[in-house]
């Protein structure tokens, strides 16, 4: 009877998978927990800024202070629609990678990054056409600080998405089983969107 042939490549691959499983059992993956804690901390910063804004609003006899030009709603409203829509686009990327559709994931994430860049471009355009500056009054200062800090977070989110796209060039870097980078970028992007909804309501609608 002929002895069965042993494939060295398969043996090495099985060994690698077993070693990786043992590593995960010995060292649990707390990356998502760490990201959630980070976002909670960032959320507390935004809550503090929102609280300060509401405190300023409640102490002054008129808000915005007299003489402050009114904010236009058209451009920020379009920007809001773009940013909220991008969350659904981003979710499609996560859904795609969980189906092992790397090409679909790249496509949806690229669209999300483009929408984020459009949002930032719209914000820069708005800044360049505002009739008040950072030091005009308390409302103006609060406006620039809140929108600028949020814009910084959008920029980080876009860079995170681009980083995921860059790393996805490597074969099998992201798959149905390994997709933390995609999930992390998605969670961060949803956070940015939720913060903007609150910020838009405070600054433009109230």
Protein backbone atom coordinates (compact mmCIF):
# COMPACT_ATOMS: atom_id res chain seq x y z
CA UNK A 1 0.00 0.00 0.00
CA UNK A 2 1.35 3.41 -0.95
CA UNK A 3 1.66 5.88 1.94
CA UNK A 4 -0.34 9.14 1.58
CA UNK A 5 1.57 12.11 0.17
CA UNK A 6 2.01 15.01 2.58
CA UNK A 7 1.80 18.48 1.08
CA UNK A 8 4.41 20.69 2.87
CA UNK A 9 2.55 23.88 1.87
CA UNK A 10 -0.72 22.69 3.43
CA UNK A 11 1.11 21.51 6.53
CA UNK A 12 2.74 24.92 6.95
CA UNK A 13 -0.57 26.70 6.35
CA UNK A 14 -2.37 24.56 8.96
CA UNK A 15 0.43 25.23 11.41
CA UNK A 16 0.16 28.96 10.77
CA UNK A 17 -3.62 28.95 11.37
CA UNK A 18 -3.25 26.95 14.58
CA UNK A 19 -0.50 29.27 15.81
CA UNK A 20 -2.63 32.31 15.01
CA UNK A 21 -5.65 30.84 16.83
CA UNK A 22 -3.50 30.06 19.86
CA UNK A 23 -2.13 33.61 19.80
CA UNK A 24 -5.65 35.10 19.82
CA UNK A 25 -6.69 32.86 22.69
CA UNK A 26 -3.65 33.90 24.68
CA UNK A 27 -3.93 37.59 23.74
CA UNK A 28 -7.58 38.68 23.25
CA UNK A 29 -8.19 41.42 20.71
CA UNK A 30 -9.15 44.61 22.56
CA UNK A 31 -8.68 46.95 19.62
CA UNK A 32 -12.39 47.66 19.13
CA UNK A 33 -12.84 48.18 22.88
CA UNK A 34 -9.97 50.68 22.80
CA UNK A 35 -11.53 52.53 19.88
CA UNK A 36 -14.90 52.71 21.64
CA UNK A 37 -13.22 54.13 24.76
CA UNK A 38 -11.43 56.69 22.60
CA UNK A 39 -14.68 57.77 20.94
CA UNK A 40 -16.39 58.05 24.32
CA UNK A 41 -13.57 60.36 25.44
CA UNK A 42 -13.92 62.40 22.26
CA UNK A 43 -17.67 62.51 22.79
CA UNK A 44 -17.14 63.93 26.27
CA UNK A 45 -15.02 66.72 24.77
CA UNK A 46 -17.76 67.59 22.32
CA UNK A 47 -20.39 67.43 25.07
CA UNK A 48 -18.33 69.88 27.11
CA UNK A 49 -18.12 72.24 24.15
CA UNK A 50 -21.85 71.93 23.48
CA UNK A 51 -22.55 72.61 27.15
CA UNK A 52 -20.38 75.72 27.06
CA UNK A 53 -22.17 76.93 23.93
CA UNK A 54 -25.58 76.49 25.56
CA UNK A 55 -24.34 78.27 28.69
CA UNK A 56 -23.18 81.24 26.59
CA UNK A 57 -26.52 81.24 24.79
CA UNK A 58 -28.51 81.29 28.03
CA UNK A 59 -26.54 84.12 29.66
CA UNK A 60 -26.73 86.68 26.86
CA UNK A 61 -29.92 88.73 26.29
CA UNK A 62 -29.89 87.95 22.54
CA UNK A 63 -28.30 85.12 20.59
CA UNK A 64 -26.52 85.51 18.29
CA UNK A 65 -25.42 88.95 19.58
CA UNK A 66 -26.91 91.91 17.75
CA UNK A 67 -25.11 92.77 14.55
CA UNK A 68 -24.09 89.18 13.79
CA UNK A 69 -24.89 88.31 10.15
CA UNK A 70 -27.31 85.42 9.75
CA UNK A 71 -25.93 82.07 8.73
CA UNK A 72 -26.95 80.72 5.35
CA UNK A 73 -28.70 77.35 5.53
CA UNK A 74 -28.41 76.13 1.94
CA UNK A 75 -24.74 75.13 1.85
CA UNK A 76 -24.62 73.68 5.40
CA UNK A 77 -27.89 71.85 4.68
CA UNK A 78 -26.46 70.26 1.53
CA UNK A 79 -23.28 69.45 3.45
CA UNK A 80 -25.37 67.77 6.13
CA UNK A 81 -27.18 65.61 3.58
CA UNK A 82 -23.85 64.60 2.05
CA UNK A 83 -22.33 63.65 5.40
CA UNK A 84 -25.37 61.71 6.62
CA UNK A 85 -25.61 59.89 3.29
CA UNK A 86 -21.95 58.96 3.51
CA UNK A 87 -22.69 56.90 6.62
CA UNK A 88 -24.94 54.61 4.58
CA UNK A 89 -22.29 54.40 1.87
CA UNK A 90 -19.70 53.51 4.49
CA UNK A 91 -21.94 50.78 5.87
CA UNK A 92 -22.06 49.24 2.41
CA UNK A 93 -18.28 48.94 2.51
CA UNK A 94 -18.46 47.00 5.78
CA UNK A 95 -21.22 44.78 4.39
CA UNK A 96 -19.13 44.10 1.27
CA UNK A 97 -16.00 42.99 3.12
CA UNK A 98 -18.05 40.67 5.33
CA UNK A 99 -19.06 38.97 2.09
CA UNK A 100 -15.39 38.77 0.99
CA UNK A 101 -16.09 41.41 -1.66
CA UNK A 102 -12.85 43.39 -1.45
CA UNK A 103 -13.54 45.26 -4.69
CA UNK A 104 -16.94 46.38 -3.42
CA UNK A 105 -15.41 47.46 -0.13
CA UNK A 106 -12.82 49.57 -1.93
CA UNK A 107 -15.46 51.17 -4.13
CA UNK A 108 -17.79 52.13 -1.29
CA UNK A 109 -14.94 53.42 0.87
CA UNK A 110 -13.56 55.50 -1.99
CA UNK A 111 -16.99 57.06 -2.46
CA UNK A 112 -17.20 57.76 1.29
CA UNK A 113 -13.79 59.45 1.24
CA UNK A 114 -14.87 61.57 -1.74
CA UNK A 115 -18.04 62.63 0.11
CA UNK A 116 -15.97 63.55 3.15
CA UNK A 117 -13.67 65.68 0.99
CA UNK A 118 -16.70 67.38 -0.58
CA UNK A 119 -18.01 68.14 2.93
CA UNK A 120 -14.68 69.68 3.95
CA UNK A 121 -14.53 71.69 0.72
CA UNK A 122 -18.00 73.02 1.41
CA UNK A 123 -16.96 74.02 4.91
CA UNK A 124 -13.89 75.84 3.62
CA UNK A 125 -16.06 77.62 1.05
CA UNK A 126 -18.47 78.67 3.81
CA UNK A 127 -15.59 79.99 5.94
CA UNK A 128 -14.33 82.09 3.03
CA UNK A 129 -17.73 83.74 2.58
CA UNK A 130 -18.76 84.34 6.19
CA UNK A 131 -19.20 87.98 7.16
CA UNK A 132 -17.70 87.55 10.62
CA UNK A 133 -14.33 86.42 11.92
CA UNK A 134 -13.08 84.38 14.83
CA UNK A 135 -12.89 87.42 17.13
CA UNK A 136 -16.08 89.20 16.05
CA UNK A 137 -18.09 88.14 19.12
CA UNK A 138 -18.76 85.16 21.37
CA UNK A 139 -21.04 83.45 18.86
CA UNK A 140 -18.46 83.76 16.08
CA UNK A 141 -15.73 82.32 18.29
CA UNK A 142 -17.93 79.40 19.34
CA UNK A 143 -18.96 78.79 15.73
CA UNK A 144 -15.41 78.55 14.44
CA UNK A 145 -14.19 76.42 17.35
CA UNK A 146 -17.05 73.92 17.11
CA UNK A 147 -17.10 73.58 13.33
CA UNK A 148 -13.31 73.64 13.10
CA UNK A 149 -12.87 70.93 15.73
CA UNK A 150 -15.45 68.80 13.96
CA UNK A 151 -13.77 69.46 10.62
CA UNK A 152 -10.53 68.17 12.12
CA UNK A 153 -12.30 64.93 13.01
CA UNK A 154 -13.71 64.62 9.49
CA UNK A 155 -10.18 65.08 8.14
CA UNK A 156 -8.91 62.29 10.40
CA UNK A 157 -11.79 60.10 9.26
CA UNK A 158 -10.96 60.67 5.59
CA UNK A 159 -7.29 59.86 6.25
CA UNK A 160 -8.33 56.66 8.06
CA UNK A 161 -10.44 55.59 5.09
CA UNK A 162 -7.58 56.32 2.69
CA UNK A 163 -5.25 54.30 4.92
CA UNK A 164 -7.63 51.32 4.74
CA UNK A 165 -7.76 51.65 0.95
CA UNK A 166 -3.97 51.77 0.80
CA UNK A 167 -3.56 48.69 2.96
CA UNK A 168 -6.20 46.81 0.98
CA UNK A 169 -3.77 46.68 -1.94
CA UNK A 170 -2.12 43.71 -0.24
CA UNK A 171 -3.73 40.43 -1.18
CA UNK A 172 -5.98 39.01 1.55
CA UNK A 173 -5.16 41.88 3.93
CA UNK A 174 -8.90 42.35 4.51
CA UNK A 175 -11.34 39.47 4.31
CA UNK A 176 -14.53 38.08 5.82
CA UNK A 177 -12.54 36.95 8.86
CA UNK A 178 -10.10 39.87 9.15
CA UNK A 179 -11.63 43.33 8.71
CA UNK A 180 -10.93 45.32 11.86
CA UNK A 181 -9.60 48.29 9.89
CA UNK A 182 -12.83 48.58 7.92
CA UNK A 183 -15.02 48.28 11.02
CA UNK A 184 -12.91 50.81 12.92
CA UNK A 185 -13.10 53.36 10.10
CA UNK A 186 -16.86 52.82 9.85
CA UNK A 187 -17.45 53.30 13.57
CA UNK A 188 -15.35 56.47 13.62
CA UNK A 189 -17.20 57.83 10.60
CA UNK A 190 -20.60 57.21 12.20
CA UNK A 191 -19.37 59.07 15.29
CA UNK A 192 -18.36 62.06 13.17
CA UNK A 193 -21.78 62.08 11.51
CA UNK A 194 -23.73 61.95 14.77
CA UNK A 195 -21.68 64.82 16.21
CA UNK A 196 -22.37 66.93 13.13
CA UNK A 197 -26.13 66.37 13.40
CA UNK A 198 -26.08 67.76 16.95
CA UNK A 199 -23.74 70.59 15.96
CA UNK A 200 -25.86 71.55 12.95
CA UNK A 201 -28.96 71.70 15.11
CA UNK A 202 -27.28 73.91 17.71
CA UNK A 203 -25.59 76.36 15.37
CA UNK A 204 -27.93 76.62 12.40
CA UNK A 205 -31.43 75.69 13.59
CA UNK A 206 -31.83 76.84 17.22
